[in-house]
Amino acid sequence: MSSEIVVTDNELPTKVVQAIAQGRKIEAIKLLREETGLGLANAKVLVDRAARRHAQQNPQVPGITEESNTGRLVGMMLLLFLAFGAYRFVAGA
C-alpha cells in the first residue's frame, strides 16, 4: 500500500504560494514537485489554478494601465489618415 499525498490548489506549501505571487510559476512547479512528489502535469495544473486565483485577488498589475497605448493608437490612426490623403491627392492629380 503506497501513501499518497493529496494536495489541492487551496493547500499549497508556503514557498510555492510565494513563488506564484512573485510570478515565478516554473519555480513554483519545481518546488511543489519536490515537496509533494507530484508529477509535472499535476503540479502545473495546481500552480496554474492557484495563479489564476491570485490574479483575481490582485487584478491590477503595477505599471500597466488600459489607456497606456491610447496615444500610440491615435498617432497611428492620424498617420494612416494623412498617408491615405496624400495617396488620394497624388492619384487624383
Protein backbone atom coordinates (compact mmCIF):
# COMPACT_ATOMS: atom_id res chain seq x y z
CA MET A 1 0.00 0.00 0.00
CA SER A 2 1.55 3.33 -1.04
CA SER A 3 0.96 6.52 0.85
CA GLU A 4 -0.33 9.19 -1.50
CA ILE A 5 -0.18 12.88 -0.73
CA VAL A 6 -3.33 14.73 -1.71
CA VAL A 7 -2.79 18.41 -2.44
CA THR A 8 -5.34 20.93 -3.69
CA ASP A 9 -4.73 24.42 -5.02
CA ASN A 10 -6.06 25.72 -1.68
CA GLU A 11 -3.43 23.83 0.34
CA LEU A 12 -0.15 24.63 -1.41
CA PRO A 13 3.06 24.93 0.62
CA THR A 14 4.04 28.47 1.60
CA LYS A 15 7.14 28.50 -0.61
CA VAL A 16 5.02 27.58 -3.62
CA VAL A 17 2.46 30.30 -2.89
CA GLN A 18 5.23 32.87 -2.52
CA ALA A 19 6.77 31.88 -5.86
CA ILE A 20 3.37 32.15 -7.54
CA ALA A 21 2.77 35.58 -6.00
CA GLN A 22 6.12 36.74 -7.40
CA GLY A 23 5.22 35.47 -10.89
CA ARG A 24 7.73 32.60 -10.84
CA LYS A 25 5.43 29.77 -11.93
CA ILE A 26 8.17 27.43 -13.15
CA GLU A 27 9.93 27.67 -9.81
CA ALA A 28 6.59 27.11 -8.06
CA ILE A 29 6.03 23.93 -10.08
CA LYS A 30 9.51 22.67 -9.22
CA LEU A 31 9.02 23.42 -5.53
CA LEU A 32 5.61 21.74 -5.50
CA ARG A 33 7.02 18.61 -7.13
CA GLU A 34 9.88 18.47 -4.62
CA GLU A 35 7.59 18.95 -1.62
CA THR A 36 4.83 16.57 -2.69
CA GLY A 37 6.24 14.15 -5.24
CA LEU A 38 3.55 15.10 -7.75
CA GLY A 39 4.10 14.62 -11.46
CA LEU A 40 4.80 17.52 -13.77
CA ALA A 41 1.31 17.71 -15.26
CA ASN A 42 -0.49 17.62 -11.89
CA ALA A 43 1.86 20.19 -10.36
CA LYS A 44 1.39 22.51 -13.35
CA VAL A 45 -2.41 22.28 -13.11
CA LEU A 46 -2.36 23.13 -9.40
CA VAL A 47 0.05 26.05 -9.87
CA ASP A 48 -1.99 27.41 -12.80
CA ARG A 49 -5.19 27.25 -10.74
CA ALA A 50 -3.54 28.99 -7.81
CA ALA A 51 -2.04 31.63 -10.13
CA ARG A 52 -5.47 32.40 -11.61
CA ARG A 53 -6.96 32.75 -8.15
CA HIS A 54 -4.09 35.02 -7.11
CA ALA A 55 -4.58 37.13 -10.25
CA GLN A 56 -8.28 37.53 -9.41
CA GLN A 57 -7.39 38.74 -5.92
CA ASN A 58 -4.91 41.28 -7.34
CA PRO A 59 -6.43 42.41 -10.65
CA GLN A 60 -4.20 45.46 -11.14
CA VAL A 61 -0.65 44.90 -12.28
CA PRO A 62 1.58 47.83 -11.31
CA GLY A 63 2.70 49.95 -14.24
CA ILE A 64 0.10 48.70 -16.69
CA THR A 65 -2.94 50.79 -17.45
CA GLU A 66 -5.65 50.43 -20.04
CA GLU A 67 -5.02 53.85 -21.54
CA SER A 68 -1.26 53.37 -21.86
CA ASN A 69 -1.46 52.78 -25.63
CA THR A 70 -4.17 55.30 -26.43
CA GLY A 71 -1.72 57.97 -27.61
CA ARG A 72 0.07 55.50 -29.84
CA LEU A 73 -3.24 54.33 -31.34
CA VAL A 74 -4.37 57.91 -32.07
CA GLY A 75 -0.98 58.71 -33.62
CA MET A 76 -1.11 55.64 -35.88
CA MET A 77 -4.66 56.48 -36.97
CA LEU A 78 -3.60 60.06 -37.78
CA LEU A 79 -0.60 58.80 -39.74
CA LEU A 80 -2.80 56.40 -41.73
CA PHE A 81 -5.30 59.18 -42.42
CA LEU A 82 -2.55 61.51 -43.67
CA ALA A 83 -1.00 58.75 -45.81
CA PHE A 84 -4.38 57.99 -47.37
CA GLY A 85 -4.99 61.69 -48.01
CA ALA A 86 -1.57 62.04 -49.68
CA TYR A 87 -2.27 58.98 -51.84
CA ARG A 88 -5.64 60.36 -52.94
CA PHE A 89 -4.05 63.74 -53.68
CA VAL A 90 -1.26 62.24 -55.78
CA ALA A 91 -3.52 59.69 -57.51
CA GLY A 92 -6.14 62.33 -58.31
CA ALA A 93 -3.64 64.82 -59.79
